[in-house]
Amino acid sequence: MTRRGQTWKEWKIELRLFVDEDVNLTDVDTLSIGFGDRNNPQPDGRGKMYFDDIRLYPPAPEPGKN
């Protein structure tokens, strides 16, 4: 899908990565998305990012397992 010459892409983040780091997902209340280098922040960034339809889905069942 494109809009104003930009490409829209689905970004899937496997929640298993958080669980593997001992994050209790039932305790998550907020979500933050950051850009750049957390340890070396720079002012006056340029550009726009649009995010929509942020959702959590249960994992898809593995084939042959129900």
PDB file of N, CA and C in Angstrom:
ATOM      1  N   MET A   1       0.854  -1.174   0.000  1.00  0.00           N
ATOM      2  CA  MET A   1       0.000   0.000   0.000  1.00  0.00           C
ATOM      3  C   MET A   1       0.900   1.238   0.000  1.00  0.00           C
ATOM      4  N   THR A   2       0.552   2.195  -0.785  1.00  0.00           N
ATOM      5  CA  THR A   2       1.349   3.422  -0.807  1.00  0.00           C
ATOM      6  C   THR A   2       0.461   4.625  -0.555  1.00  0.00           C
ATOM      7  N   ARG A   3       1.080   5.651  -0.031  1.00  0.00           N
ATOM      8  CA  ARG A   3       0.399   6.911   0.221  1.00  0.00           C
ATOM      9  C   ARG A   3       1.440   8.004   0.055  1.00  0.00           C
ATOM     10  N   ARG A   4       1.159   8.940  -0.809  1.00  0.00           N
ATOM     11  CA  ARG A   4       2.097  10.033  -1.069  1.00  0.00           C
ATOM     12  C   ARG A   4       3.493   9.521  -1.408  1.00  0.00           C
ATOM     13  N   GLY A   5       3.541   8.441  -2.173  1.00  0.00           N
ATOM     14  CA  GLY A   5       4.815   7.911  -2.602  1.00  0.00           C
ATOM     15  C   GLY A   5       5.555   7.102  -1.551  1.00  0.00           C
ATOM     16  N   GLN A   6       4.955   6.909  -0.384  1.00  0.00           N
ATOM     17  CA  GLN A   6       5.601   6.149   0.678  1.00  0.00           C
ATOM     18  C   GLN A   6       5.056   4.730   0.700  1.00  0.00           C
ATOM     19  N   THR A   7       5.857   3.805   1.150  1.00  0.00           N
ATOM     20  CA  THR A   7       5.442   2.415   1.238  1.00  0.00           C
ATOM     21  C   THR A   7       5.033   2.099   2.673  1.00  0.00           C
ATOM     22  N   TRP A   8       3.894   1.444   2.811  1.00  0.00           N
ATOM     23  CA  TRP A   8       3.414   1.016   4.118  1.00  0.00           C
ATOM     24  C   TRP A   8       3.808  -0.436   4.289  1.00  0.00           C
ATOM     25  N   LYS A   9       4.337  -0.760   5.445  1.00  0.00           N
ATOM     26  CA  LYS A   9       4.772  -2.126   5.698  1.00  0.00           C
ATOM     27  C   LYS A   9       4.251  -2.603   7.041  1.00  0.00           C
ATOM     28  N   GLU A  10       3.901  -3.875   7.064  1.00  0.00           N
ATOM     29  CA  GLU A  10       3.508  -4.494   8.322  1.00  0.00           C
ATOM     30  C   GLU A  10       4.775  -4.801   9.116  1.00  0.00           C
ATOM     31  N   TRP A  11       4.758  -4.499  10.386  1.00  0.00           N
ATOM     32  CA  TRP A  11       5.901  -4.725  11.254  1.00  0.00           C
ATOM     33  C   TRP A  11       5.460  -5.683  12.349  1.00  0.00           C
ATOM     34  N   LYS A  12       5.904  -6.917  12.243  1.00  0.00           N
ATOM     35  CA  LYS A  12       5.526  -7.929  13.225  1.00  0.00           C
ATOM     36  C   LYS A  12       6.640  -8.072  14.247  1.00  0.00           C
ATOM     37  N   ILE A  13       6.274  -7.981  15.510  1.00  0.00           N
ATOM     38  CA  ILE A  13       7.220  -8.160  16.598  1.00  0.00           C
ATOM     39  C   ILE A  13       6.770  -9.393  17.373  1.00  0.00           C
ATOM     40  N   GLU A  14       7.616 -10.382  17.409  1.00  0.00           N
ATOM     41  CA  GLU A  14       7.292 -11.614  18.120  1.00  0.00           C
ATOM     42  C   GLU A  14       7.351 -11.368  19.623  1.00  0.00           C
ATOM     43  N   LEU A  15       6.228 -11.521  20.296  1.00  0.00           N
ATOM     44  CA  LEU A  15       6.180 -11.295  21.732  1.00  0.00           C
ATOM     45  C   LEU A  15       7.006 -12.326  22.491  1.00  0.00           C
ATOM     46  N   ARG A  16       7.283 -13.455  21.860  1.00  0.00           N
ATOM     47  CA  ARG A  16       8.114 -14.481  22.480  1.00  0.00           C
ATOM     48  C   ARG A  16       9.479 -13.903  22.868  1.00  0.00           C
ATOM     49  N   LEU A  17       9.974 -12.932  22.095  1.00  0.00           N
ATOM     50  CA  LEU A  17      11.263 -12.314  22.403  1.00  0.00           C
ATOM     51  C   LEU A  17      11.238 -11.638  23.775  1.00  0.00           C
ATOM     52  N   PHE A  18      10.104 -11.051  24.134  1.00  0.00           N
ATOM     53  CA  PHE A  18       9.976 -10.406  25.439  1.00  0.00           C
ATOM     54  C   PHE A  18       9.832 -11.451  26.548  1.00  0.00           C
ATOM     55  N   VAL A  19       9.023 -12.462  26.284  1.00  0.00           N
ATOM     56  CA  VAL A  19       8.832 -13.528  27.266  1.00  0.00           C
ATOM     57  C   VAL A  19      10.164 -14.217  27.551  1.00  0.00           C
ATOM     58  N   ASP A  20      10.963 -14.417  26.513  1.00  0.00           N
ATOM     59  CA  ASP A  20      12.278 -15.041  26.695  1.00  0.00           C
ATOM     60  C   ASP A  20      13.199 -14.202  27.577  1.00  0.00           C
ATOM     61  N   GLU A  21      12.919 -12.899  27.694  1.00  0.00           N
ATOM     62  CA  GLU A  21      13.699 -12.004  28.560  1.00  0.00           C
ATOM     63  C   GLU A  21      13.002 -11.794  29.909  1.00  0.00           C
ATOM     64  N   ASP A  22      12.077 -12.696  30.239  1.00  0.00           N
ATOM     65  CA  ASP A  22      11.344 -12.682  31.516  1.00  0.00           C
ATOM     66  C   ASP A  22      10.422 -11.479  31.686  1.00  0.00           C
ATOM     67  N   VAL A  23       9.899 -10.934  30.599  1.00  0.00           N
ATOM     68  CA  VAL A  23       8.899  -9.863  30.691  1.00  0.00           C
ATOM     69  C   VAL A  23       7.532 -10.519  30.861  1.00  0.00           C
ATOM     70  N   ASN A  24       6.823 -10.121  31.909  1.00  0.00           N
ATOM     71  CA  ASN A  24       5.473 -10.613  32.141  1.00  0.00           C
ATOM     72  C   ASN A  24       4.525  -9.735  31.334  1.00  0.00           C
ATOM     73  N   LEU A  25       4.023 -10.247  30.230  1.00  0.00           N
ATOM     74  CA  LEU A  25       3.208  -9.436  29.319  1.00  0.00           C
ATOM     75  C   LEU A  25       1.892  -8.995  29.931  1.00  0.00           C
ATOM     76  N   THR A  26       1.432  -9.661  30.984  1.00  0.00           N
ATOM     77  CA  THR A  26       0.187  -9.220  31.626  1.00  0.00           C
ATOM     78  C   THR A  26       0.402  -7.940  32.423  1.00  0.00           C
ATOM     79  N   ASP A  27       1.655  -7.573  32.672  1.00  0.00           N
ATOM     80  CA  ASP A  27       1.966  -6.334  33.402  1.00  0.00           C
ATOM     81  C   ASP A  27       2.212  -5.144  32.483  1.00  0.00           C
ATOM     82  N   VAL A  28       2.145  -5.324  31.175  1.00  0.00           N
ATOM     83  CA  VAL A  28       2.430  -4.241  30.230  1.00  0.00           C
ATOM     84  C   VAL A  28       1.208  -3.334  30.121  1.00  0.00           C
ATOM     85  N   ASP A  29       1.399  -2.040  30.404  1.00  0.00           N
ATOM     86  CA  ASP A  29       0.310  -1.066  30.330  1.00  0.00           C
ATOM     87  C   ASP A  29       0.492  -0.061  29.192  1.00  0.00           C
ATOM     88  N   THR A  30       1.731   0.172  28.777  1.00  0.00           N
ATOM     89  CA  THR A  30       1.990   1.156  27.732  1.00  0.00           C
ATOM     90  C   THR A  30       3.018   0.612  26.745  1.00  0.00           C
ATOM     91  N   LEU A  31       3.071   1.264  25.600  1.00  0.00           N
ATOM     92  CA  LEU A  31       4.010   0.913  24.540  1.00  0.00           C
ATOM     93  C   LEU A  31       4.688   2.192  24.090  1.00  0.00           C
ATOM     94  N   SER A  32       6.004   2.169  23.986  1.00  0.00           N
ATOM     95  CA  SER A  32       6.759   3.327  23.501  1.00  0.00           C
ATOM     96  C   SER A  32       7.591   2.911  22.300  1.00  0.00           C
ATOM     97  N   ILE A  33       7.622   3.748  21.303  1.00  0.00           N
ATOM     98  CA  ILE A  33       8.436   3.513  20.113  1.00  0.00           C
ATOM     99  C   ILE A  33       9.415   4.665  20.011  1.00  0.00           C
ATOM    100  N   GLY A  34      10.691   4.345  19.918  1.00  0.00           N
ATOM    101  CA  GLY A  34      11.716   5.383  19.849  1.00  0.00           C
ATOM    102  C   GLY A  34      12.565   5.230  18.609  1.00  0.00           C
ATOM    103  N   PHE A  35      13.245   6.290  18.244  1.00  0.00           N
ATOM    104  CA  PHE A  35      14.120   6.293  17.074  1.00  0.00           C
ATOM    105  C   PHE A  35      15.466   6.864  17.472  1.00  0.00           C
ATOM    106  N   GLY A  36      16.483   6.429  16.791  1.00  0.00           N
ATOM    107  CA  GLY A  36      17.798   6.984  17.052  1.00  0.00           C
ATOM    108  C   GLY A  36      18.558   6.182  18.080  1.00  0.00           C
ATOM    109  N   ASP A  37      19.539   6.798  18.651  1.00  0.00           N
ATOM    110  CA  ASP A  37      20.438   6.174  19.610  1.00  0.00           C
ATOM    111  C   ASP A  37      20.070   6.633  21.015  1.00  0.00           C
ATOM    112  N   ARG A  38      19.577   5.741  21.812  1.00  0.00           N
ATOM    113  CA  ARG A  38      19.142   6.078  23.170  1.00  0.00           C
ATOM    114  C   ARG A  38      20.285   6.670  23.991  1.00  0.00           C
ATOM    115  N   ASN A  39      21.489   6.194  23.757  1.00  0.00           N
ATOM    116  CA  ASN A  39      22.648   6.645  24.522  1.00  0.00           C
ATOM    117  C   ASN A  39      23.278   7.921  23.972  1.00  0.00           C
ATOM    118  N   ASN A  40      22.865   8.344  22.800  1.00  0.00           N
ATOM    119  CA  ASN A  40      23.411   9.561  22.184  1.00  0.00           C
ATOM    120  C   ASN A  40      22.295  10.297  21.435  1.00  0.00           C
ATOM    121  N   PRO A  41      21.283  10.782  22.168  1.00  0.00           N
ATOM    122  CA  PRO A  41      20.156  11.437  21.486  1.00  0.00           C
ATOM    123  C   PRO A  41      20.590  12.717  20.778  1.00  0.00           C
ATOM    124  N   GLN A  42      19.978  12.966  19.643  1.00  0.00           N
ATOM    125  CA  GLN A  42      20.276  14.155  18.850  1.00  0.00           C
ATOM    126  C   GLN A  42      18.991  14.956  18.668  1.00  0.00           C
ATOM    127  N   PRO A  43      19.045  16.275  18.850  1.00  0.00           N
ATOM    128  CA  PRO A  43      17.851  17.108  18.667  1.00  0.00           C
ATOM    129  C   PRO A  43      17.547  17.338  17.195  1.00  0.00           C
ATOM    130  N   ASP A  44      16.361  17.838  16.956  1.00  0.00           N
ATOM    131  CA  ASP A  44      15.947  18.318  15.631  1.00  0.00           C
ATOM    132  C   ASP A  44      15.901  17.245  14.563  1.00  0.00           C
ATOM    133  N   GLY A  45      15.390  16.066  14.900  1.00  0.00           N
ATOM    134  CA  GLY A  45      15.203  15.038  13.874  1.00  0.00           C
ATOM    135  C   GLY A  45      14.180  15.494  12.851  1.00  0.00           C
ATOM    136  N   ARG A  46      14.260  14.964  11.679  1.00  0.00           N
ATOM    137  CA  ARG A  46      13.355  15.363  10.599  1.00  0.00           C
ATOM    138  C   ARG A  46      12.626  14.139  10.050  1.00  0.00           C
ATOM    139  N   GLY A  47      11.453  14.383   9.496  1.00  0.00           N
ATOM    140  CA  GLY A  47      10.689  13.320   8.872  1.00  0.00           C
ATOM    141  C   GLY A  47       9.444  12.993   9.669  1.00  0.00           C
ATOM    142  N   LYS A  48       8.651  12.105   9.112  1.00  0.00           N
ATOM    143  CA  LYS A  48       7.404  11.699   9.750  1.00  0.00           C
ATOM    144  C   LYS A  48       7.289  10.182   9.718  1.00  0.00           C
ATOM    145  N   MET A  49       6.718   9.658  10.768  1.00  0.00           N
ATOM    146  CA  MET A  49       6.391   8.241  10.853  1.00  0.00           C
ATOM    147  C   MET A  49       4.930   8.155  11.249  1.00  0.00           C
ATOM    148  N   TYR A  50       4.215   7.266  10.639  1.00  0.00           N
ATOM    149  CA  TYR A  50       2.813   7.053  10.966  1.00  0.00           C
ATOM    150  C   TYR A  50       2.643   5.613  11.444  1.00  0.00           C
ATOM    151  N   PHE A  51       1.939   5.436  12.549  1.00  0.00           N
ATOM    152  CA  PHE A  51       1.644   4.112  13.077  1.00  0.00           C
ATOM    153  C   PHE A  51       0.139   4.014  13.255  1.00  0.00           C
ATOM    154  N   ASP A  52      -0.402   2.889  12.855  1.00  0.00           N
ATOM    155  CA  ASP A  52      -1.821   2.659  13.099  1.00  0.00           C
ATOM    156  C   ASP A  52      -2.057   1.166  13.277  1.00  0.00           C
ATOM    157  N   ASP A  53      -3.211   0.858  13.765  1.00  0.00           N
ATOM    158  CA  ASP A  53      -3.624  -0.527  13.956  1.00  0.00           C
ATOM    159  C   ASP A  53      -2.623  -1.339  14.775  1.00  0.00           C
ATOM    160  N   ILE A  54      -2.175  -0.786  15.889  1.00  0.00           N
ATOM    161  CA  ILE A  54      -1.286  -1.527  16.772  1.00  0.00           C
ATOM    162  C   ILE A  54      -2.153  -2.515  17.549  1.00  0.00           C
ATOM    163  N   ARG A  55      -1.824  -3.805  17.398  1.00  0.00           N
ATOM    164  CA  ARG A  55      -2.654  -4.856  17.990  1.00  0.00           C
ATOM    165  C   ARG A  55      -1.785  -5.969  18.563  1.00  0.00           C
ATOM    166  N   LEU A  56      -2.378  -6.715  19.452  1.00  0.00           N
ATOM    167  CA  LEU A  56      -1.770  -7.941  19.950  1.00  0.00           C
ATOM    168  C   LEU A  56      -2.631  -9.109  19.488  1.00  0.00           C
ATOM    169  N   TYR A  57      -1.989 -10.103  18.929  1.00  0.00           N
ATOM    170  CA  TYR A  57      -2.682 -11.308  18.484  1.00  0.00           C
ATOM    171  C   TYR A  57      -2.110 -12.513  19.215  1.00  0.00           C
ATOM    172  N   PRO A  58      -2.960 -13.483  19.545  1.00  0.00           N
ATOM    173  CA  PRO A  58      -2.406 -14.720  20.107  1.00  0.00           C
ATOM    174  C   PRO A  58      -1.590 -15.425  19.020  1.00  0.00           C
ATOM    175  N   PRO A  59      -0.615 -16.234  19.421  1.00  0.00           N
ATOM    176  CA  PRO A  59       0.191 -16.919  18.416  1.00  0.00           C
ATOM    177  C   PRO A  59      -0.670 -17.843  17.567  1.00  0.00           C
ATOM    178  N   ALA A  60      -0.317 -17.945  16.307  1.00  0.00           N
ATOM    179  CA  ALA A  60      -1.017 -18.866  15.407  1.00  0.00           C
ATOM    180  C   ALA A  60      -0.686 -20.288  15.816  1.00  0.00           C
ATOM    181  N   PRO A  61      -1.657 -21.203  15.751  1.00  0.00           N
ATOM    182  CA  PRO A  61      -1.356 -22.575  16.108  1.00  0.00           C
ATOM    183  C   PRO A  61      -0.364 -23.188  15.125  1.00  0.00           C
ATOM    184  N   GLU A  62       0.502 -24.033  15.647  1.00  0.00           N
ATOM    185  CA  GLU A  62       1.440 -24.713  14.772  1.00  0.00           C
ATOM    186  C   GLU A  62       0.677 -25.735  13.930  1.00  0.00           C
ATOM    187  N   PRO A  63       1.083 -25.905  12.670  1.00  0.00           N
ATOM    188  CA  PRO A  63       0.403 -26.879  11.812  1.00  0.00           C
ATOM    189  C   PRO A  63       0.387 -28.273  12.457  1.00  0.00           C
ATOM    190  N   GLY A  64      -0.768 -28.891  12.439  1.00  0.00           N
ATOM    191  CA  GLY A  64      -0.903 -30.230  12.993  1.00  0.00           C
ATOM    192  C   GLY A  64      -1.116 -30.282  14.495  1.00  0.00           C
ATOM    193  N   LYS A  65      -1.090 -29.114  15.160  1.00  0.00           N
ATOM    194  CA  LYS A  65      -1.300 -29.070  16.610  1.00  0.00           C
ATOM    195  C   LYS A  65      -2.515 -28.201  16.910  1.00  0.00           C
ATOM    196  N   ASN A  66      -3.461 -28.728  17.647  1.00  0.00           N
ATOM    197  CA  ASN A  66      -4.645 -27.956  18.029  1.00  0.00           C
ATOM    198  C   ASN A  66      -4.975 -28.173  19.471  1.00  0.00           C
TER     199      ASN A  66
END
